[in-house]
C-alpha atoms as a PDB file:
ATOM      1  CA  UNK A   1      72.582 -40.143 -47.490  1.00  0.00           C
ATOM      2  CA  UNK A   2      74.895 -43.091 -47.069  1.00  0.00           C
ATOM      3  CA  UNK A   3      73.751 -45.699 -49.542  1.00  0.00           C
ATOM      4  CA  UNK A   4      74.838 -48.460 -47.042  1.00  0.00           C
ATOM      5  CA  UNK A   5      71.941 -47.271 -44.357  1.00  0.00           C
ATOM      6  CA  UNK A   6      69.296 -46.206 -47.507  1.00  0.00           C
ATOM      7  CA  UNK A   7      67.025 -49.189 -48.024  1.00  0.00           C
ATOM      8  CA  UNK A   8      67.254 -50.145 -51.194  1.00  0.00           C
ATOM      9  CA  UNK A   9      63.932 -51.276 -53.697  1.00  0.00           C
ATOM     10  CA  UNK A  10      63.315 -54.918 -53.187  1.00  0.00           C
ATOM     11  CA  UNK A  11      63.207 -56.909 -56.310  1.00  0.00           C
ATOM     12  CA  UNK A  12      60.052 -56.518 -58.072  1.00  0.00           C
ATOM     13  CA  UNK A  13      58.947 -60.065 -58.960  1.00  0.00           C
ATOM     14  CA  UNK A  14      55.695 -59.327 -60.522  1.00  0.00           C
ATOM     15  CA  UNK A  15      57.915 -58.021 -63.578  1.00  0.00           C
ATOM     16  CA  UNK A  16      58.697 -61.922 -64.260  1.00  0.00           C
ATOM     17  CA  UNK A  17      54.917 -62.401 -65.510  1.00  0.00           C
ATOM     18  CA  UNK A  18      55.620 -61.670 -69.005  1.00  0.00           C
ATOM     19  CA  UNK A  19      52.916 -60.279 -70.472  1.00  0.00           C
ATOM     20  CA  UNK A  20      51.240 -59.045 -67.270  1.00  0.00           C
ATOM     21  CA  UNK A  21      54.233 -56.673 -66.838  1.00  0.00           C
ATOM     22  CA  UNK A  22      52.694 -53.865 -68.802  1.00  0.00           C
ATOM     23  CA  UNK A  23      49.439 -54.148 -66.897  1.00  0.00           C
ATOM     24  CA  UNK A  24      51.397 -54.056 -63.549  1.00  0.00           C
ATOM     25  CA  UNK A  25      53.376 -50.868 -64.688  1.00  0.00           C
ATOM     26  CA  UNK A  26      50.288 -48.961 -65.707  1.00  0.00           C
ATOM     27  CA  UNK A  27      48.672 -49.501 -62.145  1.00  0.00           C
ATOM     28  CA  UNK A  28      49.916 -47.367 -60.200  1.00  0.00           C
ATOM     29  CA  UNK A  29      51.919 -49.559 -57.624  1.00  0.00           C
ATOM     30  CA  UNK A  30      53.789 -48.381 -54.600  1.00  0.00           C
ATOM     31  CA  UNK A  31      57.801 -48.940 -54.752  1.00  0.00           C
ATOM     32  CA  UNK A  32      58.575 -52.311 -53.018  1.00  0.00           C
ATOM     33  CA  UNK A  33      61.376 -51.972 -50.036  1.00  0.00           C
ATOM     34  CA  UNK A  34      63.023 -54.806 -48.328  1.00  0.00           C
ATOM     35  CA  UNK A  35      64.045 -52.908 -45.544  1.00  0.00           C
ATOM     36  CA  UNK A  36      62.444 -50.278 -43.345  1.00  0.00           C
ATOM     37  CA  UNK A  37      62.654 -46.555 -44.269  1.00  0.00           C
ATOM     38  CA  UNK A  38      65.090 -44.822 -41.696  1.00  0.00           C
ATOM     39  CA  UNK A  39      63.256 -44.000 -38.239  1.00  0.00           C
ATOM     40  CA  UNK A  40      60.631 -45.904 -39.124  1.00  0.00           C
ATOM     41  CA  UNK A  41      59.447 -47.196 -35.769  1.00  0.00           C
ATOM     42  CA  UNK A  42      57.126 -49.611 -37.004  1.00  0.00           C
ATOM     43  CA  UNK A  43      59.652 -51.401 -39.354  1.00  0.00           C
ATOM     44  CA  UNK A  44      57.471 -51.370 -42.217  1.00  0.00           C
ATOM     45  CA  UNK A  45      58.371 -53.270 -45.477  1.00  0.00           C
ATOM     46  CA  UNK A  46      56.643 -53.036 -48.905  1.00  0.00           C
ATOM     47  CA  UNK A  47      56.527 -56.179 -51.041  1.00  0.00           C
ATOM     48  CA  UNK A  48      55.214 -57.574 -54.386  1.00  0.00           C
ATOM     49  CA  UNK A  49      53.535 -60.879 -55.221  1.00  0.00           C
ATOM     50  CA  UNK A  50      54.069 -62.169 -58.979  1.00  0.00           C
ATOM     51  CA  UNK A  51      50.242 -61.025 -59.942  1.00  0.00           C
ATOM     52  CA  UNK A  52      50.935 -57.300 -58.671  1.00  0.00           C
ATOM     53  CA  UNK A  53      49.469 -57.559 -55.500  1.00  0.00           C
ATOM     54  CA  UNK A  54      51.189 -55.288 -52.580  1.00  0.00           C
ATOM     55  CA  UNK A  55      52.293 -56.788 -49.273  1.00  0.00           C
ATOM     56  CA  UNK A  56      53.225 -54.426 -45.988  1.00  0.00           C
ATOM     57  CA  UNK A  57      54.309 -56.172 -43.039  1.00  0.00           C
ATOM     58  CA  UNK A  58      55.498 -54.577 -39.925  1.00  0.00           C
ATOM     59  CA  UNK A  59      56.686 -57.253 -37.438  1.00  0.00           C
ATOM     60  CA  UNK A  60      55.958 -56.718 -33.760  1.00  0.00           C
ATOM     61  CA  UNK A  61      56.299 -59.836 -31.423  1.00  0.00           C
ATOM     62  CA  UNK A  62      54.700 -58.909 -28.290  1.00  0.00           C
ATOM     63  CA  UNK A  63      51.807 -62.082 -28.873  1.00  0.00           C
ATOM     64  CA  UNK A  64      51.491 -64.779 -31.572  1.00  0.00           C
ATOM     65  CA  UNK A  65      49.270 -62.969 -33.356  1.00  0.00           C
ATOM     66  CA  UNK A  66      48.888 -60.591 -36.331  1.00  0.00           C
ATOM     67  CA  UNK A  67      46.624 -58.125 -37.884  1.00  0.00           C
ATOM     68  CA  UNK A  68      45.374 -58.899 -41.596  1.00  0.00           C
ATOM     69  CA  UNK A  69      43.909 -56.051 -43.691  1.00  0.00           C
ATOM     70  CA  UNK A  70      42.833 -56.913 -47.153  1.00  0.00           C
ATOM     71  CA  UNK A  71      42.558 -53.666 -48.919  1.00  0.00           C
ATOM     72  CA  UNK A  72      41.055 -52.730 -52.220  1.00  0.00           C
ATOM     73  CA  UNK A  73      41.871 -49.341 -53.996  1.00  0.00           C
ATOM     74  CA  UNK A  74      37.768 -48.612 -54.680  1.00  0.00           C
ATOM     75  CA  UNK A  75      35.107 -47.141 -52.612  1.00  0.00           C
ATOM     76  CA  UNK A  76      32.316 -45.566 -53.057  1.00  0.00           C
ATOM     77  CA  UNK A  77      33.809 -42.951 -55.057  1.00  0.00           C
ATOM     78  CA  UNK A  78      33.900 -46.134 -57.588  1.00  0.00           C
ATOM     79  CA  UNK A  79      30.248 -46.253 -57.954  1.00  0.00           C
ATOM     80  CA  UNK A  80      28.478 -45.703 -60.865  1.00  0.00           C
ATOM     81  CA  UNK A  81      26.629 -42.625 -60.344  1.00  0.00           C
ATOM     82  CA  UNK A  82      23.269 -44.121 -60.956  1.00  0.00           C
ATOM     83  CA  UNK A  83      23.918 -46.814 -58.358  1.00  0.00           C
ATOM     84  CA  UNK A  84      24.986 -45.282 -55.287  1.00  0.00           C
ATOM     85  CA  UNK A  85      25.926 -47.478 -52.165  1.00  0.00           C
ATOM     86  CA  UNK A  86      27.151 -50.518 -54.696  1.00  0.00           C
ATOM     87  CA  UNK A  87      30.568 -50.580 -53.124  1.00  0.00           C
ATOM     88  CA  UNK A  88      29.412 -50.688 -49.451  1.00  0.00           C
ATOM     89  CA  UNK A  89      26.639 -53.490 -50.194  1.00  0.00           C
ATOM     90  CA  UNK A  90      29.192 -55.562 -52.243  1.00  0.00           C
ATOM     91  CA  UNK A  91      31.780 -55.707 -49.054  1.00  0.00           C
ATOM     92  CA  UNK A  92      28.503 -56.501 -47.484  1.00  0.00           C
ATOM     93  CA  UNK A  93      28.375 -59.690 -49.917  1.00  0.00           C
ATOM     94  CA  UNK A  94      31.592 -60.756 -49.677  1.00  0.00           C
ATOM     95  CA  UNK A  95      31.158 -62.355 -46.221  1.00  0.00           C
ATOM     96  CA  UNK A  96      28.303 -64.769 -48.075  1.00  0.00           C
ATOM     97  CA  UNK A  97      31.258 -67.534 -49.484  1.00  0.00           C
ATOM     98  CA  UNK A  98      31.920 -68.945 -52.583  1.00  0.00           C
ATOM     99  CA  UNK A  99      31.306 -72.482 -54.095  1.00  0.00           C
ATOM    100  CA  UNK A 100      33.396 -73.868 -51.421  1.00  0.00           C
ATOM    101  CA  UNK A 101      31.635 -72.769 -48.050  1.00  0.00           C
ATOM    102  CA  UNK A 102      28.379 -71.284 -47.261  1.00  0.00           C
ATOM    103  CA  UNK A 103      26.178 -73.619 -48.757  1.00  0.00           C
ATOM    104  CA  UNK A 104      25.027 -77.257 -48.407  1.00  0.00           C
ATOM    105  CA  UNK A 105      24.931 -78.121 -52.185  1.00  0.00           C
ATOM    106  CA  UNK A 106      26.190 -75.701 -54.578  1.00  0.00           C
ATOM    107  CA  UNK A 107      25.554 -77.419 -57.714  1.00  0.00           C
ATOM    108  CA  UNK A 108      22.023 -77.429 -56.345  1.00  0.00           C
ATOM    109  CA  UNK A 109      21.900 -73.809 -55.331  1.00  0.00           C
ATOM    110  CA  UNK A 110      23.487 -72.608 -58.714  1.00  0.00           C
ATOM    111  CA  UNK A 111      20.675 -72.415 -60.322  1.00  0.00           C
ATOM    112  CA  UNK A 112      18.734 -69.938 -57.709  1.00  0.00           C
ATOM    113  CA  UNK A 113      21.629 -67.883 -58.021  1.00  0.00           C
ATOM    114  CA  UNK A 114      21.299 -67.503 -61.457  1.00  0.00           C
ATOM    115  CA  UNK A 115      17.586 -66.907 -61.649  1.00  0.00           C
ATOM    116  CA  UNK A 116      18.308 -64.141 -58.801  1.00  0.00           C
ATOM    117  CA  UNK A 117      20.820 -62.289 -61.330  1.00  0.00           C
ATOM    118  CA  UNK A 118      17.919 -62.531 -63.639  1.00  0.00           C
ATOM    119  CA  UNK A 119      15.791 -61.255 -62.315  1.00  0.00           C
ATOM    120  CA  UNK A 120      17.364 -58.349 -60.737  1.00  0.00           C
ATOM    121  CA  UNK A 121      17.907 -57.535 -64.287  1.00  0.00           C
ATOM    122  CA  UNK A 122      14.440 -57.604 -65.387  1.00  0.00           C
ATOM    123  CA  UNK A 123      13.350 -55.422 -62.407  1.00  0.00           C
ATOM    124  CA  UNK A 124      15.700 -52.761 -63.138  1.00  0.00           C
ATOM    125  CA  UNK A 125      14.339 -52.484 -66.646  1.00  0.00           C
ATOM    126  CA  UNK A 126      10.988 -52.403 -65.384  1.00  0.00           C
ATOM    127  CA  UNK A 127       9.079 -49.424 -63.900  1.00  0.00           C
ATOM    128  CA  UNK A 128       5.575 -50.975 -64.226  1.00  0.00           C
ATOM    129  CA  UNK A 129       4.380 -51.042 -60.149  1.00  0.00           C
ATOM    130  CA  UNK A 130       2.261 -54.452 -61.123  1.00  0.00           C
ATOM    131  CA  UNK A 131       4.759 -55.919 -62.930  1.00  0.00           C
ATOM    132  CA  UNK A 132       7.744 -55.053 -60.443  1.00  0.00           C
ATOM    133  CA  UNK A 133       5.421 -56.514 -57.647  1.00  0.00           C
ATOM    134  CA  UNK A 134       5.258 -59.908 -59.597  1.00  0.00           C
ATOM    135  CA  UNK A 135       8.974 -59.348 -60.236  1.00  0.00           C
ATOM    136  CA  UNK A 136       9.880 -59.169 -56.307  1.00  0.00           C
ATOM    137  CA  UNK A 137       7.606 -62.160 -55.732  1.00  0.00           C
ATOM    138  CA  UNK A 138       9.307 -64.302 -57.769  1.00  0.00           C
ATOM    139  CA  UNK A 139      12.755 -62.688 -56.381  1.00  0.00           C
ATOM    140  CA  UNK A 140      11.497 -64.012 -52.895  1.00  0.00           C
ATOM    141  CA  UNK A 141      10.668 -67.505 -54.083  1.00  0.00           C
ATOM    142  CA  UNK A 142      14.359 -67.605 -55.496  1.00  0.00           C
ATOM    143  CA  UNK A 143      15.962 -66.376 -52.665  1.00  0.00           C
ATOM    144  CA  UNK A 144      14.562 -68.486 -50.231  1.00  0.00           C
ATOM    145  CA  UNK A 145      15.203 -71.754 -52.542  1.00  0.00           C
ATOM    146  CA  UNK A 146      18.840 -70.207 -52.526  1.00  0.00           C
ATOM    147  CA  UNK A 147      18.345 -69.821 -48.571  1.00  0.00           C
ATOM    148  CA  UNK A 148      17.469 -73.393 -47.934  1.00  0.00           C
ATOM    149  CA  UNK A 149      20.642 -74.286 -49.355  1.00  0.00           C
ATOM    150  CA  UNK A 150      22.806 -71.929 -48.022  1.00  0.00           C
ATOM    151  CA  UNK A 151      24.671 -72.016 -44.488  1.00  0.00           C
ATOM    152  CA  UNK A 152      24.229 -68.630 -42.934  1.00  0.00           C
ATOM    153  CA  UNK A 153      27.528 -67.217 -40.873  1.00  0.00           C
ATOM    154  CA  UNK A 154      29.673 -70.255 -41.905  1.00  0.00           C
ATOM    155  CA  UNK A 155      32.503 -68.126 -42.920  1.00  0.00           C
ATOM    156  CA  UNK A 156      32.961 -66.542 -39.761  1.00  0.00           C
ATOM    157  CA  UNK A 157      32.161 -69.742 -37.780  1.00  0.00           C
ATOM    158  CA  UNK A 158      34.749 -71.282 -39.272  1.00  0.00           C
ATOM    159  CA  UNK A 159      37.315 -68.682 -38.597  1.00  0.00           C
ATOM    160  CA  UNK A 160      36.319 -68.860 -35.019  1.00  0.00           C
ATOM    161  CA  UNK A 161      37.147 -72.135 -34.550  1.00  0.00           C
ATOM    162  CA  UNK A 162      40.247 -71.528 -36.399  1.00  0.00           C
ATOM    163  CA  UNK A 163      40.952 -68.733 -33.264  1.00  0.00           C
ATOM    164  CA  UNK A 164      40.756 -66.225 -35.950  1.00  0.00           C
ATOM    165  CA  UNK A 165      39.275 -62.829 -34.456  1.00  0.00           C
ATOM    166  CA  UNK A 166      37.704 -59.746 -35.057  1.00  0.00           C
ATOM    167  CA  UNK A 167      36.380 -60.285 -38.306  1.00  0.00           C
ATOM    168  CA  UNK A 168      34.832 -56.967 -40.154  1.00  0.00           C
ATOM    169  CA  UNK A 169      35.078 -54.916 -43.171  1.00  0.00           C
ATOM    170  CA  UNK A 170      34.530 -51.321 -43.855  1.00  0.00           C
ATOM    171  CA  UNK A 171      33.936 -49.025 -47.036  1.00  0.00           C
ATOM    172  CA  UNK A 172      34.725 -45.198 -47.538  1.00  0.00           C
ATOM    173  CA  UNK A 173      35.359 -43.203 -50.532  1.00  0.00           C
ATOM    174  CA  UNK A 174      38.585 -44.562 -51.774  1.00  0.00           C
ATOM    175  CA  UNK A 175      38.880 -48.201 -50.369  1.00  0.00           C
ATOM    176  CA  UNK A 176      37.339 -50.932 -49.258  1.00  0.00           C
ATOM    177  CA  UNK A 177      39.157 -52.746 -46.405  1.00  0.00           C
ATOM    178  CA  UNK A 178      38.440 -56.670 -44.583  1.00  0.00           C
ATOM    179  CA  UNK A 179      39.893 -57.194 -41.679  1.00  0.00           C
ATOM    180  CA  UNK A 180      40.837 -60.288 -39.541  1.00  0.00           C
ATOM    181  CA  UNK A 181      42.963 -61.060 -36.114  1.00  0.00           C
ATOM    182  CA  UNK A 182      44.912 -64.489 -36.632  1.00  0.00           C
ATOM    183  CA  UNK A 183      47.030 -66.322 -34.811  1.00  0.00           C
ATOM    184  CA  UNK A 184      50.524 -66.628 -36.129  1.00  0.00           C
ATOM    185  CA  UNK A 185      49.977 -70.552 -36.675  1.00  0.00           C
ATOM    186  CA  UNK A 186      47.063 -70.245 -38.633  1.00  0.00           C
ATOM    187  CA  UNK A 187      48.563 -67.966 -41.878  1.00  0.00           C
ATOM    188  CA  UNK A 188      48.043 -70.729 -44.441  1.00  0.00           C
ATOM    189  CA  UNK A 189      44.564 -71.648 -43.513  1.00  0.00           C
ATOM    190  CA  UNK A 190      43.686 -67.740 -43.100  1.00  0.00           C
ATOM    191  CA  UNK A 191      45.305 -67.344 -46.682  1.00  0.00           C
ATOM    192  CA  UNK A 192      43.658 -70.528 -48.344  1.00  0.00           C
ATOM    193  CA  UNK A 193      40.567 -69.070 -46.892  1.00  0.00           C
ATOM    194  CA  UNK A 194      40.886 -65.733 -48.487  1.00  0.00           C
ATOM    195  CA  UNK A 195      42.303 -67.056 -51.734  1.00  0.00           C
ATOM    196  CA  UNK A 196      39.177 -68.517 -52.592  1.00  0.00           C
ATOM    197  CA  UNK A 197      36.860 -66.176 -50.925  1.00  0.00           C
ATOM    198  CA  UNK A 198      37.820 -63.212 -53.514  1.00  0.00           C
ATOM    199  CA  UNK A 199      38.371 -65.299 -56.257  1.00  0.00           C
ATOM    200  CA  UNK A 200      34.943 -66.960 -56.660  1.00  0.00           C
ATOM    201  CA  UNK A 201      32.448 -64.930 -54.377  1.00  0.00           C
ATOM    202  CA  UNK A 202      28.740 -66.162 -55.140  1.00  0.00           C
ATOM    203  CA  UNK A 203      26.732 -63.308 -53.818  1.00  0.00           C
ATOM    204  CA  UNK A 204      24.263 -65.416 -52.437  1.00  0.00           C
ATOM    205  CA  UNK A 205      21.311 -63.927 -50.114  1.00  0.00           C
ATOM    206  CA  UNK A 206      21.534 -61.075 -51.995  1.00  0.00           C
ATOM    207  CA  UNK A 207      18.144 -59.908 -51.827  1.00  0.00           C
ATOM    208  CA  UNK A 208      17.869 -60.544 -47.982  1.00  0.00           C
ATOM    209  CA  UNK A 209      21.328 -58.730 -47.374  1.00  0.00           C
ATOM    210  CA  UNK A 210      20.120 -55.755 -49.101  1.00  0.00           C
ATOM    211  CA  UNK A 211      17.299 -55.326 -46.683  1.00  0.00           C
ATOM    212  CA  UNK A 212      19.934 -55.304 -44.121  1.00  0.00           C
ATOM    213  CA  UNK A 213      21.818 -52.508 -46.004  1.00  0.00           C
ATOM    214  CA  UNK A 214      18.729 -50.610 -46.556  1.00  0.00           C
ATOM    215  CA  UNK A 215      18.115 -50.615 -42.721  1.00  0.00           C
ATOM    216  CA  UNK A 216      21.451 -49.322 -42.247  1.00  0.00           C
ATOM    217  CA  UNK A 217      20.376 -46.247 -44.475  1.00  0.00           C
ATOM    218  CA  UNK A 218      17.288 -45.546 -42.689  1.00  0.00           C
ATOM    219  CA  UNK A 219      19.559 -45.523 -39.124  1.00  0.00           C
ATOM    220  CA  UNK A 220      22.001 -43.424 -40.709  1.00  0.00           C
ATOM    221  CA  UNK A 221      18.710 -40.594 -41.355  1.00  0.00           C
ATOM    222  CA  UNK A 222      17.752 -40.719 -37.714  1.00  0.00           C
ATOM    223  CA  UNK A 223      21.870 -40.060 -36.584  1.00  0.00           C
ATOM    224  CA  UNK A 224      22.343 -36.226 -36.625  1.00  0.00           C
ATOM    225  CA  UNK A 225      26.442 -37.178 -37.272  1.00  0.00           C
ATOM    226  CA  UNK A 226      25.681 -38.945 -40.655  1.00  0.00           C
ATOM    227  CA  UNK A 227      23.204 -36.527 -41.932  1.00  0.00           C
ATOM    228  CA  UNK A 228      25.609 -33.548 -41.120  1.00  0.00           C
ATOM    229  CA  UNK A 229      28.700 -35.314 -42.722  1.00  0.00           C
ATOM    230  CA  UNK A 230      26.717 -36.181 -45.862  1.00  0.00           C
ATOM    231  CA  UNK A 231      25.162 -32.365 -45.950  1.00  0.00           C
ATOM    232  CA  UNK A 232      29.055 -31.033 -45.483  1.00  0.00           C
ATOM    233  CA  UNK A 233      30.250 -33.287 -48.216  1.00  0.00           C
ATOM    234  CA  UNK A 234      27.856 -32.705 -50.844  1.00  0.00           C
ATOM    235  CA  UNK A 235      28.082 -29.142 -50.064  1.00  0.00           C
ATOM    236  CA  UNK A 236      32.050 -28.982 -50.176  1.00  0.00           C
ATOM    237  CA  UNK A 237      31.845 -31.540 -53.347  1.00  0.00           C
ATOM    238  CA  UNK A 238      28.339 -30.783 -55.235  1.00  0.00           C
ATOM    239  CA  UNK A 239      30.194 -31.882 -58.604  1.00  0.00           C
ATOM    240  CA  UNK A 240      32.401 -34.821 -57.386  1.00  0.00           C
ATOM    241  CA  UNK A 241      31.265 -38.521 -56.128  1.00  0.00           C
ATOM    242  CA  UNK A 242      33.071 -37.139 -52.446  1.00  0.00           C
ATOM    243  CA  UNK A 243      29.787 -35.208 -52.307  1.00  0.00           C
ATOM    244  CA  UNK A 244      27.077 -36.862 -54.786  1.00  0.00           C
ATOM    245  CA  UNK A 245      27.630 -40.344 -53.899  1.00  0.00           C
ATOM    246  CA  UNK A 246      27.237 -41.066 -50.114  1.00  0.00           C
ATOM    247  CA  UNK A 247      28.904 -44.288 -49.129  1.00  0.00           C
ATOM    248  CA  UNK A 248      26.202 -45.784 -47.628  1.00  0.00           C
ATOM    249  CA  UNK A 249      24.140 -44.915 -50.985  1.00  0.00           C
ATOM    250  CA  UNK A 250      20.728 -42.767 -51.618  1.00  0.00           C
ATOM    251  CA  UNK A 251      17.292 -44.257 -50.609  1.00  0.00           C
ATOM    252  CA  UNK A 252      16.247 -44.166 -54.351  1.00  0.00           C
ATOM    253  CA  UNK A 253      19.176 -46.488 -55.567  1.00  0.00           C
ATOM    254  CA  UNK A 254      18.733 -48.735 -52.605  1.00  0.00           C
ATOM    255  CA  UNK A 255      15.478 -49.777 -53.098  1.00  0.00           C
ATOM    256  CA  UNK A 256      16.623 -50.223 -56.694  1.00  0.00           C
ATOM    257  CA  UNK A 257      19.631 -51.771 -56.204  1.00  0.00           C
ATOM    258  CA  UNK A 258      22.048 -53.004 -59.354  1.00  0.00           C
ATOM    259  CA  UNK A 259      23.279 -56.689 -58.492  1.00  0.00           C
ATOM    260  CA  UNK A 260      24.642 -56.601 -62.561  1.00  0.00           C
ATOM    261  CA  UNK A 261      26.278 -53.460 -61.437  1.00  0.00           C
ATOM    262  CA  UNK A 262      27.874 -54.926 -58.331  1.00  0.00           C
ATOM    263  CA  UNK A 263      29.075 -57.810 -60.267  1.00  0.00           C
ATOM    264  CA  UNK A 264      30.794 -55.332 -62.727  1.00  0.00           C
ATOM    265  CA  UNK A 265      32.439 -53.273 -59.875  1.00  0.00           C
ATOM    266  CA  UNK A 266      33.723 -56.710 -58.365  1.00  0.00           C
ATOM    267  CA  UNK A 267      35.637 -57.830 -61.740  1.00  0.00           C
ATOM    268  CA  UNK A 268      36.659 -54.449 -62.654  1.00  0.00           C
ATOM    269  CA  UNK A 269      38.170 -53.335 -59.176  1.00  0.00           C
ATOM    270  CA  UNK A 270      38.865 -56.574 -57.010  1.00  0.00           C
ATOM    271  CA  UNK A 271      42.150 -57.483 -59.022  1.00  0.00           C
ATOM    272  CA  UNK A 272      45.255 -58.235 -57.029  1.00  0.00           C
ATOM    273  CA  UNK A 273      47.111 -55.530 -59.208  1.00  0.00           C
ATOM    274  CA  UNK A 274      44.331 -52.978 -57.783  1.00  0.00           C
ATOM    275  CA  UNK A 275      44.772 -54.404 -54.026  1.00  0.00           C
ATOM    276  CA  UNK A 276      47.137 -54.581 -51.040  1.00  0.00           C
ATOM    277  CA  UNK A 277      47.503 -56.920 -47.901  1.00  0.00           C
ATOM    278  CA  UNK A 278      48.664 -55.534 -44.862  1.00  0.00           C
ATOM    279  CA  UNK A 279      50.215 -57.712 -42.091  1.00  0.00           C
ATOM    280  CA  UNK A 280      51.096 -56.441 -38.721  1.00  0.00           C
ATOM    281  CA  UNK A 281      51.968 -58.687 -35.775  1.00  0.00           C
ATOM    282  CA  UNK A 282      53.993 -62.229 -35.228  1.00  0.00           C
ATOM    283  CA  UNK A 283      54.612 -61.713 -38.579  1.00  0.00           C
ATOM    284  CA  UNK A 284      57.751 -61.393 -41.187  1.00  0.00           C
ATOM    285  CA  UNK A 285      58.179 -61.591 -44.877  1.00  0.00           C
ATOM    286  CA  UNK A 286      60.369 -64.688 -44.837  1.00  0.00           C
ATOM    287  CA  UNK A 287      57.233 -66.532 -43.502  1.00  0.00           C
ATOM    288  CA  UNK A 288      54.446 -64.774 -44.983  1.00  0.00           C
ATOM    289  CA  UNK A 289      55.115 -64.017 -48.752  1.00  0.00           C
ATOM    290  CA  UNK A 290      55.916 -67.675 -49.682  1.00  0.00           C
ATOM    291  CA  UNK A 291      52.173 -68.657 -48.505  1.00  0.00           C
ATOM    292  CA  UNK A 292      51.012 -65.502 -49.851  1.00  0.00           C
ATOM    293  CA  UNK A 293      52.282 -66.443 -53.089  1.00  0.00           C
ATOM    294  CA  UNK A 294      50.962 -69.898 -53.564  1.00  0.00           C
ATOM    295  CA  UNK A 295      47.281 -68.978 -52.156  1.00  0.00           C
ATOM    296  CA  UNK A 296      46.339 -65.439 -53.023  1.00  0.00           C
ATOM    297  CA  UNK A 297      49.297 -65.040 -55.817  1.00  0.00           C
ATOM    298  CA  UNK A 298      46.948 -67.346 -58.111  1.00  0.00           C
ATOM    299  CA  UNK A 299      44.484 -64.496 -58.442  1.00  0.00           C
ATOM    300  CA  UNK A 300      45.013 -62.900 -61.796  1.00  0.00           C
ATOM    301  CA  UNK A 301      46.129 -59.316 -62.610  1.00  0.00           C
ATOM    302  CA  UNK A 302      43.969 -57.411 -65.057  1.00  0.00           C
ATOM    303  CA  UNK A 303      44.147 -53.698 -66.711  1.00  0.00           C
ATOM    304  CA  UNK A 304      42.500 -50.974 -64.718  1.00  0.00           C
ATOM    305  CA  UNK A 305      40.163 -48.637 -65.894  1.00  0.00           C
ATOM    306  CA  UNK A 306      40.324 -45.198 -64.577  1.00  0.00           C
ATOM    307  CA  UNK A 307      37.144 -44.036 -62.954  1.00  0.00           C
ATOM    308  CA  UNK A 308      35.164 -41.753 -63.674  1.00  0.00           C
ATOM    309  CA  UNK A 309      36.408 -38.112 -63.214  1.00  0.00           C
ATOM    310  CA  UNK A 310      34.657 -35.320 -61.228  1.00  0.00           C
ATOM    311  CA  UNK A 311      34.756 -31.808 -61.009  1.00  0.00           C
ATOM    312  CA  UNK A 312      35.721 -30.259 -58.154  1.00  0.00           C
ATOM    313  CA  UNK A 313      34.058 -26.641 -57.371  1.00  0.00           C
ATOM    314  CA  UNK A 314      36.494 -23.832 -55.599  1.00  0.00           C
ATOM    315  CA  UNK A 315      35.117 -22.740 -52.480  1.00  0.00           C
END
């Protein structure tokens, strides 16, 4: 093909971060392209922030809004084998807010959150029924004390006031994705909130939210499609996480949720060189990239560990 019509890779500014360049080089990141590939009717361009986060942009001026997806390259396949469902319930917790919102007084709430984390560690290590009952009672008390300071759904209400719609997320085997439909003139506000949301989550109201996740599991047990799908995947992948680790988790593991594993999972996989942002709509690189660099671009990259390998059994 003629070089004048072939999109050339855009400069990868992430390599300018000195010592972090080796981390990014080992992160398996896609090649940036400042111009769309030939024949791409969506006109997708690929960019890289200095911290290694990949940004995909598809401009469409039909209405003054854009879809924003924040994707993490980690899902239920990356769950620890003894903590299935973890990636999914972590997804739920990312809607609870950091110290900046979702609470009336974070300094007063902080000791209760710390106590919840400590009690979950004790609960997981203790199999004595009477002692577990006592720990669960203490967990309930610490959760209620935290809940008295929390502002439920403040994240959702704040976005609604900004005109941001369709707030949602999903988890699958290889990815966890957070979704919003944003007015074009709210780009900076959205980016600031998301930068704070993922930089410093608090995981408040975990004790309450895990009950909602467990109810989701119960509903799946009454759903023929879910039961068929889980059985099919286990039959096809009996020795691989695709089959042995259902995204919603097993009942056994959800009854004994691994709070500490969840925190470790977040710090291991929720790093910019393992994440991407997809923007489609009334948006362009010239407008978006400087805003993203100043907000989400402040996250720090981290060397990625490889997930535990699974074995594929020939059919």
